[in-house]
């Protein structure tokens, strides 16, 4: 029954995003103006996790952006994320979605997320070849002022779901 409701929520989200997204694609990889579409990041996170689950996900708590990623709260308009301590590579799986307040803030957020990937690679290099390979294959995605980091084994399946929201 729970899966039924999750699937229903995912279908409603997809239909809502399709209805909002007419015309030309507004997103841009270079970080220019924000996409014309406004995205509910919590709903997007839930939709992504319903399609590409991670084991025992926990919602990220307040303070995570600043304390773990070094992102200033003033740069963030909204955000959502999840983690799992049951990551298969010896590192927690992470899914982080952020809407920056403007183009400059998006640049700072992107740099912080890229630094996080580099830190994970440095930590994994000597003792977790799988963790290093995973961090090596992950990247920060950007659509206007929206950014995403999927640091988990399902990242290749999650990336198009994020990009499809714009």
C-alpha atoms as a PDB file:
ATOM      1  CA  UNK A   1       0.000   0.000   0.000  1.00  0.00           C
ATOM      2  CA  UNK A   2       2.881   2.335   0.845  1.00  0.00           C
ATOM      3  CA  UNK A   3       4.429   1.801  -2.588  1.00  0.00           C
ATOM      4  CA  UNK A   4       1.088   2.542  -4.213  1.00  0.00           C
ATOM      5  CA  UNK A   5       0.931   5.964  -2.539  1.00  0.00           C
ATOM      6  CA  UNK A   6       4.569   6.681  -3.376  1.00  0.00           C
ATOM      7  CA  UNK A   7       3.898   5.842  -7.024  1.00  0.00           C
ATOM      8  CA  UNK A   8       0.780   8.037  -6.996  1.00  0.00           C
ATOM      9  CA  UNK A   9       2.800  10.914  -5.535  1.00  0.00           C
ATOM     10  CA  UNK A  10       5.493  10.433  -8.176  1.00  0.00           C
ATOM     11  CA  UNK A  11       2.901  10.459 -10.982  1.00  0.00           C
ATOM     12  CA  UNK A  12       1.272  13.618  -9.602  1.00  0.00           C
ATOM     13  CA  UNK A  13       4.682  15.302  -9.326  1.00  0.00           C
ATOM     14  CA  UNK A  14       5.619  14.359 -12.877  1.00  0.00           C
ATOM     15  CA  UNK A  15       2.279  15.633 -14.198  1.00  0.00           C
ATOM     16  CA  UNK A  16       2.626  18.863 -12.222  1.00  0.00           C
ATOM     17  CA  UNK A  17       6.144  19.425 -13.514  1.00  0.00           C
ATOM     18  CA  UNK A  18       5.046  18.661 -17.083  1.00  0.00           C
ATOM     19  CA  UNK A  19       2.155  21.115 -16.811  1.00  0.00           C
ATOM     20  CA  UNK A  20       4.442  23.871 -15.500  1.00  0.00           C
ATOM     21  CA  UNK A  21       7.164  23.336 -18.053  1.00  0.00           C
ATOM     22  CA  UNK A  22       5.741  24.392 -21.427  1.00  0.00           C
ATOM     23  CA  UNK A  23       7.776  26.206 -24.085  1.00  0.00           C
ATOM     24  CA  UNK A  24      11.551  26.436 -24.297  1.00  0.00           C
ATOM     25  CA  UNK A  25      13.916  24.865 -21.819  1.00  0.00           C
ATOM     26  CA  UNK A  26      14.821  27.502 -19.274  1.00  0.00           C
ATOM     27  CA  UNK A  27      17.649  25.722 -17.481  1.00  0.00           C
ATOM     28  CA  UNK A  28      21.273  26.314 -18.294  1.00  0.00           C
ATOM     29  CA  UNK A  29      24.388  24.500 -17.264  1.00  0.00           C
ATOM     30  CA  UNK A  30      26.422  27.687 -17.006  1.00  0.00           C
ATOM     31  CA  UNK A  31      24.556  29.056 -14.015  1.00  0.00           C
ATOM     32  CA  UNK A  32      22.889  32.029 -15.690  1.00  0.00           C
ATOM     33  CA  UNK A  33      19.383  33.127 -14.851  1.00  0.00           C
ATOM     34  CA  UNK A  34      17.219  30.826 -12.792  1.00  0.00           C
ATOM     35  CA  UNK A  35      14.898  28.499 -14.673  1.00  0.00           C
ATOM     36  CA  UNK A  36      11.371  29.822 -15.160  1.00  0.00           C
ATOM     37  CA  UNK A  37      10.089  26.704 -13.394  1.00  0.00           C
ATOM     38  CA  UNK A  38       9.922  26.755  -9.607  1.00  0.00           C
ATOM     39  CA  UNK A  39      10.700  23.366  -8.144  1.00  0.00           C
ATOM     40  CA  UNK A  40       9.639  22.038  -4.750  1.00  0.00           C
ATOM     41  CA  UNK A  41      12.932  20.443  -3.720  1.00  0.00           C
ATOM     42  CA  UNK A  42      11.448  18.240  -0.991  1.00  0.00           C
ATOM     43  CA  UNK A  43       8.915  16.807  -3.457  1.00  0.00           C
ATOM     44  CA  UNK A  44      11.679  16.333  -6.043  1.00  0.00           C
ATOM     45  CA  UNK A  45      13.867  14.550  -3.461  1.00  0.00           C
ATOM     46  CA  UNK A  46      10.965  12.271  -2.505  1.00  0.00           C
ATOM     47  CA  UNK A  47      10.235  11.543  -6.182  1.00  0.00           C
ATOM     48  CA  UNK A  48      13.875  10.724  -6.912  1.00  0.00           C
ATOM     49  CA  UNK A  49      14.120   8.427  -3.892  1.00  0.00           C
ATOM     50  CA  UNK A  50      10.893   6.656  -4.869  1.00  0.00           C
ATOM     51  CA  UNK A  51      12.416   5.844  -8.272  1.00  0.00           C
ATOM     52  CA  UNK A  52      16.050   5.279  -7.251  1.00  0.00           C
ATOM     53  CA  UNK A  53      15.994   4.295  -3.586  1.00  0.00           C
ATOM     54  CA  UNK A  54      18.909   4.392  -1.191  1.00  0.00           C
ATOM     55  CA  UNK A  55      18.959   2.098   1.857  1.00  0.00           C
ATOM     56  CA  UNK A  56      17.302   3.549   4.969  1.00  0.00           C
ATOM     57  CA  UNK A  57      17.380   7.235   3.926  1.00  0.00           C
ATOM     58  CA  UNK A  58      17.339   9.914   6.608  1.00  0.00           C
ATOM     59  CA  UNK A  59      16.399  13.526   5.891  1.00  0.00           C
ATOM     60  CA  UNK A  60      19.322  15.899   6.298  1.00  0.00           C
ATOM     61  CA  UNK A  61      18.930  18.219   9.265  1.00  0.00           C
ATOM     62  CA  UNK A  62      19.376  21.956   9.725  1.00  0.00           C
ATOM     63  CA  UNK A  63      23.047  22.795  10.025  1.00  0.00           C
ATOM     64  CA  UNK A  64      24.145  20.159   7.491  1.00  0.00           C
ATOM     65  CA  UNK A  65      24.818  22.662   4.718  1.00  0.00           C
ATOM     66  CA  UNK A  66      26.997  24.870   6.905  1.00  0.00           C
ATOM     67  CA  UNK A  67      28.606  22.247   9.144  1.00  0.00           C
ATOM     68  CA  UNK A  68      29.284  19.514   6.573  1.00  0.00           C
ATOM     69  CA  UNK A  69      29.404  21.278   3.227  1.00  0.00           C
ATOM     70  CA  UNK A  70      30.560  24.770   4.263  1.00  0.00           C
ATOM     71  CA  UNK A  71      27.627  26.492   2.531  1.00  0.00           C
ATOM     72  CA  UNK A  72      26.527  29.823   3.984  1.00  0.00           C
ATOM     73  CA  UNK A  73      22.817  29.859   4.866  1.00  0.00           C
ATOM     74  CA  UNK A  74      22.547  33.325   3.271  1.00  0.00           C
ATOM     75  CA  UNK A  75      23.324  31.751  -0.136  1.00  0.00           C
ATOM     76  CA  UNK A  76      20.419  29.287   0.089  1.00  0.00           C
ATOM     77  CA  UNK A  77      16.795  30.018  -0.778  1.00  0.00           C
ATOM     78  CA  UNK A  78      15.608  26.440  -0.194  1.00  0.00           C
ATOM     79  CA  UNK A  79      17.085  22.964   0.053  1.00  0.00           C
ATOM     80  CA  UNK A  80      16.351  19.340   0.767  1.00  0.00           C
ATOM     81  CA  UNK A  81      18.456  16.247   1.109  1.00  0.00           C
ATOM     82  CA  UNK A  82      18.839  12.740   2.403  1.00  0.00           C
ATOM     83  CA  UNK A  83      21.643  10.509   3.545  1.00  0.00           C
ATOM     84  CA  UNK A  84      22.074   6.846   4.325  1.00  0.00           C
ATOM     85  CA  UNK A  85      24.670   5.414   6.619  1.00  0.00           C
ATOM     86  CA  UNK A  86      24.264   2.104   4.786  1.00  0.00           C
ATOM     87  CA  UNK A  87      26.216   3.232   1.720  1.00  0.00           C
ATOM     88  CA  UNK A  88      27.844   0.339  -0.106  1.00  0.00           C
ATOM     89  CA  UNK A  89      31.219   2.068  -0.475  1.00  0.00           C
ATOM     90  CA  UNK A  90      32.051   2.679   3.185  1.00  0.00           C
ATOM     91  CA  UNK A  91      30.768   6.265   2.935  1.00  0.00           C
ATOM     92  CA  UNK A  92      27.262   7.561   3.519  1.00  0.00           C
ATOM     93  CA  UNK A  93      25.092   7.939   0.430  1.00  0.00           C
ATOM     94  CA  UNK A  94      24.168  11.592  -0.031  1.00  0.00           C
ATOM     95  CA  UNK A  95      21.497  13.374  -2.050  1.00  0.00           C
ATOM     96  CA  UNK A  96      21.527  17.185  -1.770  1.00  0.00           C
ATOM     97  CA  UNK A  97      19.271  19.592  -3.702  1.00  0.00           C
ATOM     98  CA  UNK A  98      19.754  23.352  -3.285  1.00  0.00           C
ATOM     99  CA  UNK A  99      18.153  26.476  -4.703  1.00  0.00           C
ATOM    100  CA  UNK A 100      20.589  29.379  -4.367  1.00  0.00           C
ATOM    101  CA  UNK A 101      19.337  32.926  -3.852  1.00  0.00           C
ATOM    102  CA  UNK A 102      21.031  34.258  -7.004  1.00  0.00           C
ATOM    103  CA  UNK A 103      23.642  33.543  -9.668  1.00  0.00           C
ATOM    104  CA  UNK A 104      26.612  34.546  -7.484  1.00  0.00           C
ATOM    105  CA  UNK A 105      25.360  32.417  -4.591  1.00  0.00           C
ATOM    106  CA  UNK A 106      24.878  29.490  -6.998  1.00  0.00           C
ATOM    107  CA  UNK A 107      28.553  29.785  -7.939  1.00  0.00           C
ATOM    108  CA  UNK A 108      29.624  29.663  -4.290  1.00  0.00           C
ATOM    109  CA  UNK A 109      27.312  26.713  -3.575  1.00  0.00           C
ATOM    110  CA  UNK A 110      28.641  24.842  -6.607  1.00  0.00           C
ATOM    111  CA  UNK A 111      32.222  25.380  -5.435  1.00  0.00           C
ATOM    112  CA  UNK A 112      31.355  24.100  -1.946  1.00  0.00           C
ATOM    113  CA  UNK A 113      29.690  20.968  -3.381  1.00  0.00           C
ATOM    114  CA  UNK A 114      32.667  20.319  -5.679  1.00  0.00           C
ATOM    115  CA  UNK A 115      34.997  20.726  -2.680  1.00  0.00           C
ATOM    116  CA  UNK A 116      32.905  18.143  -0.805  1.00  0.00           C
ATOM    117  CA  UNK A 117      33.420  15.654  -3.634  1.00  0.00           C
ATOM    118  CA  UNK A 118      37.168  16.343  -3.562  1.00  0.00           C
ATOM    119  CA  UNK A 119      37.227  15.838   0.224  1.00  0.00           C
ATOM    120  CA  UNK A 120      35.441  12.505  -0.165  1.00  0.00           C
ATOM    121  CA  UNK A 121      37.962  11.443  -2.815  1.00  0.00           C
ATOM    122  CA  UNK A 122      40.855  12.391  -0.534  1.00  0.00           C
ATOM    123  CA  UNK A 123      39.374  10.430   2.379  1.00  0.00           C
ATOM    124  CA  UNK A 124      38.653   7.365   0.240  1.00  0.00           C
ATOM    125  CA  UNK A 125      41.854   7.286  -1.774  1.00  0.00           C
ATOM    126  CA  UNK A 126      43.911   5.141   0.598  1.00  0.00           C
ATOM    127  CA  UNK A 127      41.347   2.794   2.088  1.00  0.00           C
ATOM    128  CA  UNK A 128      38.233   2.541  -0.078  1.00  0.00           C
ATOM    129  CA  UNK A 129      38.808   2.044  -3.801  1.00  0.00           C
ATOM    130  CA  UNK A 130      35.029   1.758  -4.306  1.00  0.00           C
ATOM    131  CA  UNK A 131      34.422   5.022  -2.433  1.00  0.00           C
ATOM    132  CA  UNK A 132      37.115   6.763  -4.460  1.00  0.00           C
ATOM    133  CA  UNK A 133      35.710   5.478  -7.759  1.00  0.00           C
ATOM    134  CA  UNK A 134      32.222   6.601  -6.741  1.00  0.00           C
ATOM    135  CA  UNK A 135      33.361  10.108  -5.773  1.00  0.00           C
ATOM    136  CA  UNK A 136      35.384  10.289  -8.987  1.00  0.00           C
ATOM    137  CA  UNK A 137      32.280   9.541 -11.067  1.00  0.00           C
ATOM    138  CA  UNK A 138      29.969  12.012  -9.284  1.00  0.00           C
ATOM    139  CA  UNK A 139      29.527  15.639 -10.274  1.00  0.00           C
ATOM    140  CA  UNK A 140      27.579  18.715  -9.285  1.00  0.00           C
ATOM    141  CA  UNK A 141      24.594  19.393 -11.532  1.00  0.00           C
ATOM    142  CA  UNK A 142      23.303  22.921 -12.113  1.00  0.00           C
ATOM    143  CA  UNK A 143      20.152  24.283 -13.716  1.00  0.00           C
ATOM    144  CA  UNK A 144      20.124  28.056 -13.207  1.00  0.00           C
ATOM    145  CA  UNK A 145      20.166  28.643  -9.455  1.00  0.00           C
ATOM    146  CA  UNK A 146      19.278  25.007  -8.695  1.00  0.00           C
ATOM    147  CA  UNK A 147      22.097  22.606  -7.831  1.00  0.00           C
ATOM    148  CA  UNK A 148      22.247  18.908  -7.061  1.00  0.00           C
ATOM    149  CA  UNK A 149      24.789  16.501  -5.671  1.00  0.00           C
ATOM    150  CA  UNK A 150      24.114  12.760  -5.804  1.00  0.00           C
ATOM    151  CA  UNK A 151      26.999  11.036  -4.047  1.00  0.00           C
ATOM    152  CA  UNK A 152      25.694   7.491  -4.153  1.00  0.00           C
ATOM    153  CA  UNK A 153      25.739   4.408  -6.329  1.00  0.00           C
ATOM    154  CA  UNK A 154      22.460   5.396  -8.030  1.00  0.00           C
ATOM    155  CA  UNK A 155      23.703   8.822  -9.112  1.00  0.00           C
ATOM    156  CA  UNK A 156      23.602   8.034 -12.839  1.00  0.00           C
ATOM    157  CA  UNK A 157      19.887   7.256 -12.574  1.00  0.00           C
ATOM    158  CA  UNK A 158      19.163  10.252 -10.322  1.00  0.00           C
ATOM    159  CA  UNK A 159      20.834  12.869 -12.545  1.00  0.00           C
ATOM    160  CA  UNK A 160      18.268  12.728 -15.394  1.00  0.00           C
ATOM    161  CA  UNK A 161      15.425  12.945 -12.860  1.00  0.00           C
ATOM    162  CA  UNK A 162      16.883  16.226 -11.548  1.00  0.00           C
ATOM    163  CA  UNK A 163      17.492  17.553 -15.057  1.00  0.00           C
ATOM    164  CA  UNK A 164      13.968  16.548 -16.131  1.00  0.00           C
ATOM    165  CA  UNK A 165      12.432  18.764 -13.450  1.00  0.00           C
ATOM    166  CA  UNK A 166      13.321  21.904 -15.451  1.00  0.00           C
END
